[in-house]
């Protein structure tokens, strides 16, 4: 109880009285607690690992998720000391924890494609001609610090891709989730898929939102890839190129000693 006193204190300041239902440590020093309230039903209280993560998630809930209607949690309250927020708890379970038929999986991934499409168009796009250089510099950092077992030839090939990324003619930047994976896709008993955990959300390349789910899930399941793109839309040659180049960042950062996402 003592180690979660900051969660309880933040929750009381944001919500008043509540019934504690449980808590767990989140990824990378985030902490969450589930409570029941009189006015809002079940609520998730979250303390972020940094002010940057806090500001990104709060901004996403205030600015972008309204375009997704009831397919995300709803922001209820925030505080800055510690950086915390309260959001409604969505029903259901992550796709990673469900035993679904192939058809049910395809239906879920079709909903996932629609979710991502609507997020990417939730606000006007931006343009940053130096964004490819920024991504390449991040990738070079992760590649230099990764603990992954890579041969000199593999490292050279990955560095070549980062060099290509730095010189890429960057398309428009859009609102992105940047941890768009089955663990953050909640399938409710009502059959509706909902997206959670926006602490990495920011303007980025739309195709970057597809790097992890493509390389870790969809390449092994072409049926799910077809289902997702039936609603999201088919990728362009440039999208495919961005996914290939940015996969280097994902591979390198995944095995870094102090991994940060994404």
Protein backbone atom coordinates (compact mmCIF):
# COMPACT_ATOMS: atom_id res chain seq x y z
CA UNK A 1 0.00 0.00 0.00
CA UNK A 2 2.78 2.45 0.93
CA UNK A 3 4.51 2.33 -2.43
CA UNK A 4 1.21 3.26 -4.12
CA UNK A 5 0.37 6.12 -1.76
CA UNK A 6 1.10 8.64 -4.53
CA UNK A 7 -1.47 6.94 -6.77
CA UNK A 8 -4.10 7.02 -4.06
CA UNK A 9 -3.36 10.65 -3.20
CA UNK A 10 -3.50 11.73 -6.85
CA UNK A 11 -6.73 9.82 -7.33
CA UNK A 12 -8.40 11.46 -4.36
CA UNK A 13 -7.36 14.93 -5.50
CA UNK A 14 -8.75 14.29 -9.00
CA UNK A 15 -11.87 12.29 -8.17
CA UNK A 16 -12.69 12.58 -4.50
CA UNK A 17 -13.97 9.36 -2.96
CA UNK A 18 -13.54 6.01 -4.69
CA UNK A 19 -13.33 2.28 -4.04
CA UNK A 20 -9.97 0.71 -4.81
CA UNK A 21 -10.20 -2.28 -7.14
CA UNK A 22 -6.52 -2.98 -7.81
CA UNK A 23 -3.24 -1.69 -9.25
CA UNK A 24 -0.17 -2.76 -11.15
CA UNK A 25 3.12 -1.31 -12.35
CA UNK A 26 2.92 -0.27 -15.96
CA UNK A 27 5.63 -0.13 -18.60
CA UNK A 28 8.74 1.96 -17.93
CA UNK A 29 7.90 3.18 -14.43
CA UNK A 30 4.29 4.17 -15.12
CA UNK A 31 1.84 3.10 -12.42
CA UNK A 32 -1.89 2.54 -12.75
CA UNK A 33 -4.76 1.91 -10.39
CA UNK A 34 -8.34 0.80 -11.11
CA UNK A 35 -11.08 2.27 -8.93
CA UNK A 36 -14.85 2.47 -8.81
CA UNK A 37 -16.50 5.89 -8.50
CA UNK A 38 -20.06 7.02 -7.94
CA UNK A 39 -20.18 9.42 -10.89
CA UNK A 40 -18.06 7.67 -13.54
CA UNK A 41 -18.17 3.96 -12.78
CA UNK A 42 -14.79 2.21 -13.10
CA UNK A 43 -11.86 4.55 -13.68
CA UNK A 44 -8.15 4.12 -14.42
CA UNK A 45 -5.76 6.43 -12.56
CA UNK A 46 -2.30 6.65 -14.08
CA UNK A 47 0.94 8.29 -12.96
CA UNK A 48 3.23 8.86 -15.92
CA UNK A 49 6.95 8.13 -16.01
CA UNK A 50 7.71 11.68 -17.19
CA UNK A 51 6.08 15.02 -17.83
CA UNK A 52 6.59 14.48 -21.57
CA UNK A 53 4.59 11.23 -21.52
CA UNK A 54 1.93 12.96 -19.40
CA UNK A 55 1.60 15.90 -21.76
CA UNK A 56 1.48 13.65 -24.82
CA UNK A 57 -1.29 11.45 -23.46
CA UNK A 58 -3.37 14.32 -22.10
CA UNK A 59 -3.04 16.17 -25.41
CA UNK A 60 -4.14 13.07 -27.34
CA UNK A 61 -7.24 12.64 -25.17
CA UNK A 62 -8.17 16.30 -25.36
CA UNK A 63 -7.47 16.84 -29.05
CA UNK A 64 -7.54 13.59 -31.04
CA UNK A 65 -9.58 10.87 -29.33
CA UNK A 66 -12.90 12.74 -29.66
CA UNK A 67 -12.70 11.80 -33.36
CA UNK A 68 -12.76 8.14 -32.28
CA UNK A 69 -16.01 8.60 -30.31
CA UNK A 70 -16.57 5.75 -27.83
CA UNK A 71 -13.65 3.66 -29.10
CA UNK A 72 -11.19 5.05 -26.53
CA UNK A 73 -11.31 5.90 -22.84
CA UNK A 74 -12.56 9.36 -21.90
CA UNK A 75 -10.36 11.81 -20.01
CA UNK A 76 -11.90 12.82 -16.68
CA UNK A 77 -9.24 14.78 -14.78
CA UNK A 78 -5.52 15.53 -14.62
CA UNK A 79 -2.92 16.78 -12.16
CA UNK A 80 0.72 17.75 -12.63
CA UNK A 81 2.27 16.89 -9.24
CA UNK A 82 2.72 14.04 -9.76
CA UNK A 83 1.94 13.97 -13.51
CA UNK A 84 -1.25 11.91 -13.44
CA UNK A 85 -4.62 11.54 -15.11
CA UNK A 86 -7.92 9.74 -14.64
CA UNK A 87 -9.73 8.13 -17.59
CA UNK A 88 -12.79 5.94 -17.86
CA UNK A 89 -12.05 2.22 -17.85
CA UNK A 90 -13.06 0.52 -21.09
CA UNK A 91 -14.70 -2.88 -21.02
CA UNK A 92 -13.20 -6.05 -22.41
CA UNK A 93 -9.74 -7.57 -22.67
CA UNK A 94 -6.64 -6.97 -24.78
CA UNK A 95 -6.50 -9.01 -27.99
CA UNK A 96 -3.37 -10.68 -26.61
CA UNK A 97 -5.42 -12.28 -23.82
CA UNK A 98 -8.35 -13.57 -25.87
CA UNK A 99 -8.86 -16.92 -27.58
CA UNK A 100 -10.63 -15.98 -30.79
CA UNK A 101 -11.59 -17.85 -33.91
CA UNK A 102 -9.86 -16.83 -37.14
CA UNK A 103 -13.00 -14.97 -38.22
CA UNK A 104 -13.25 -13.13 -34.90
CA UNK A 105 -9.60 -12.09 -35.21
CA UNK A 106 -10.18 -10.82 -38.74
CA UNK A 107 -13.21 -8.85 -37.60
CA UNK A 108 -11.15 -7.32 -34.76
CA UNK A 109 -8.31 -6.33 -37.08
CA UNK A 110 -10.75 -4.77 -39.52
CA UNK A 111 -11.93 -2.61 -36.61
CA UNK A 112 -8.29 -1.88 -35.75
CA UNK A 113 -7.69 -0.57 -39.26
CA UNK A 114 -10.66 1.78 -38.98
CA UNK A 115 -9.44 3.00 -35.58
CA UNK A 116 -5.99 3.81 -36.92
CA UNK A 117 -7.39 5.47 -40.05
CA UNK A 118 -9.60 7.73 -37.95
CA UNK A 119 -6.74 8.60 -35.57
CA UNK A 120 -4.46 9.54 -38.45
CA UNK A 121 -7.10 11.94 -39.78
CA UNK A 122 -8.18 13.31 -36.38
CA UNK A 123 -6.34 16.59 -36.93
CA UNK A 124 -4.66 18.51 -39.74
CA UNK A 125 -1.36 17.11 -40.94
CA UNK A 126 1.99 18.88 -40.50
CA UNK A 127 5.22 18.94 -42.48
CA UNK A 128 8.76 18.82 -41.10
CA UNK A 129 11.47 18.38 -43.75
CA UNK A 130 14.04 17.41 -41.09
CA UNK A 131 11.93 14.64 -39.59
CA UNK A 132 13.76 11.87 -41.45
CA UNK A 133 17.07 13.14 -40.05
CA UNK A 134 15.57 13.20 -36.55
CA UNK A 135 14.41 9.59 -36.85
CA UNK A 136 17.75 8.49 -38.29
CA UNK A 137 19.63 10.09 -35.41
CA UNK A 138 17.42 8.24 -32.92
CA UNK A 139 17.99 5.00 -34.76
CA UNK A 140 21.75 5.52 -34.81
CA UNK A 141 21.69 6.07 -31.05
CA UNK A 142 19.72 2.87 -30.44
CA UNK A 143 21.87 0.88 -32.83
CA UNK A 144 25.02 1.99 -30.99
CA UNK A 145 23.51 0.98 -27.62
CA UNK A 146 21.56 -2.16 -28.48
CA UNK A 147 22.35 -5.50 -26.83
CA UNK A 148 20.89 -7.43 -29.75
CA UNK A 149 23.19 -10.09 -31.23
CA UNK A 150 24.04 -8.47 -34.55
CA UNK A 151 26.88 -9.32 -36.90
CA UNK A 152 29.00 -6.48 -38.31
CA UNK A 153 27.27 -7.07 -41.65
CA UNK A 154 23.81 -6.74 -40.06
CA UNK A 155 24.84 -3.52 -38.30
CA UNK A 156 26.17 -2.12 -41.55
CA UNK A 157 22.94 -2.99 -43.35
CA UNK A 158 20.87 -1.36 -40.61
CA UNK A 159 23.02 1.77 -40.66
CA UNK A 160 22.55 1.96 -44.43
CA UNK A 161 18.78 1.98 -43.92
CA UNK A 162 19.10 4.78 -41.37
CA UNK A 163 21.15 6.79 -43.85
CA UNK A 164 18.38 6.31 -46.41
CA UNK A 165 15.83 7.41 -43.80
CA UNK A 166 17.75 10.65 -43.18
CA UNK A 167 17.53 11.55 -46.87
CA UNK A 168 13.91 10.47 -47.34
CA UNK A 169 11.45 12.94 -48.80
CA UNK A 170 9.21 12.93 -45.75
CA UNK A 171 5.46 12.89 -46.30
CA UNK A 172 3.07 14.76 -44.03
CA UNK A 173 3.09 14.01 -40.30
CA UNK A 174 -0.18 12.95 -38.72
CA UNK A 175 -1.49 12.18 -35.22
CA UNK A 176 0.02 8.80 -34.30
CA UNK A 177 -0.36 6.35 -31.40
CA UNK A 178 3.14 4.82 -31.71
CA UNK A 179 2.39 1.71 -29.67
CA UNK A 180 -0.37 0.34 -31.88
CA UNK A 181 -0.20 -3.30 -30.84
CA UNK A 182 -2.74 -5.99 -29.81
CA UNK A 183 -1.98 -5.40 -26.11
CA UNK A 184 -3.47 -1.90 -26.46
CA UNK A 185 -6.53 -3.02 -28.44
CA UNK A 186 -9.39 -3.97 -26.11
CA UNK A 187 -12.25 -6.07 -27.44
CA UNK A 188 -15.43 -5.52 -25.44
CA UNK A 189 -18.33 -7.87 -24.83
CA UNK A 190 -20.31 -5.57 -27.12
CA UNK A 191 -17.99 -6.56 -29.97
CA UNK A 192 -16.44 -3.08 -30.23
CA UNK A 193 -12.64 -2.72 -30.36
CA UNK A 194 -11.18 0.16 -28.37
CA UNK A 195 -7.71 1.71 -28.30
CA UNK A 196 -5.95 2.58 -25.03
CA UNK A 197 -2.61 3.95 -23.77
CA UNK A 198 -1.77 7.17 -25.63
CA UNK A 199 1.34 8.20 -23.68
CA UNK A 200 3.55 7.88 -26.78
CA UNK A 201 1.06 9.67 -29.06
CA UNK A 202 2.42 12.58 -31.10
CA UNK A 203 2.76 13.81 -34.66
CA UNK A 204 4.80 11.31 -36.67
CA UNK A 205 4.79 9.40 -39.96
CA UNK A 206 1.53 7.50 -40.35
CA UNK A 207 3.43 4.42 -41.56
CA UNK A 208 5.47 4.41 -38.32
CA UNK A 209 2.27 3.41 -36.51
CA UNK A 210 2.30 0.22 -38.59
CA UNK A 211 5.94 -0.80 -38.04
CA UNK A 212 5.49 -2.95 -34.94
CA UNK A 213 2.18 -4.53 -35.82
CA UNK A 214 3.39 -5.29 -39.35
CA UNK A 215 6.77 -6.78 -38.46
CA UNK A 216 5.65 -8.63 -35.32
CA UNK A 217 2.10 -9.73 -36.20
CA UNK A 218 0.85 -9.13 -39.72
CA UNK A 219 3.76 -10.64 -41.67
CA UNK A 220 2.95 -13.97 -40.04
CA UNK A 221 -0.80 -13.54 -40.54
CA UNK A 222 -1.65 -12.31 -44.05
CA UNK A 223 -5.35 -12.79 -43.27
CA UNK A 224 -5.10 -10.23 -40.47
CA UNK A 225 -3.05 -7.92 -42.67
CA UNK A 226 -5.78 -8.03 -45.32
CA UNK A 227 -8.44 -7.39 -42.68
CA UNK A 228 -6.65 -4.36 -41.26
CA UNK A 229 -5.97 -2.82 -44.65
CA UNK A 230 -9.53 -3.44 -45.81
CA UNK A 231 -10.52 -0.52 -43.58
CA UNK A 232 -7.29 1.41 -43.05
CA UNK A 233 -6.51 1.45 -46.76
CA UNK A 234 -3.76 -0.10 -48.84
CA UNK A 235 -0.18 1.03 -48.28
CA UNK A 236 1.70 3.00 -50.89
CA UNK A 237 5.22 2.09 -52.02
CA UNK A 238 6.48 4.94 -49.83
CA UNK A 239 4.58 3.58 -46.81
CA UNK A 240 6.20 0.16 -47.34
CA UNK A 241 9.61 1.82 -47.63
CA UNK A 242 9.10 3.79 -44.40
CA UNK A 243 8.08 0.62 -42.53
CA UNK A 244 11.19 -1.18 -43.78
CA UNK A 245 13.54 1.67 -42.86
CA UNK A 246 11.94 2.39 -39.48
CA UNK A 247 11.98 -1.28 -38.49
CA UNK A 248 15.67 -0.69 -37.73
CA UNK A 249 14.71 1.71 -34.93
CA UNK A 250 12.24 -0.80 -33.51
CA UNK A 251 14.73 -3.68 -33.55
CA UNK A 252 17.56 -1.64 -32.03
CA UNK A 253 15.48 0.04 -29.30
CA UNK A 254 13.81 -3.23 -28.34
CA UNK A 255 17.15 -4.57 -27.10
CA UNK A 256 18.58 -1.38 -25.63
CA UNK A 257 19.69 -1.53 -21.94
CA UNK A 258 17.26 1.23 -20.91
CA UNK A 259 14.62 0.95 -23.56
CA UNK A 260 12.27 3.85 -24.16
CA UNK A 261 9.29 3.78 -26.46
CA UNK A 262 9.03 4.11 -29.35
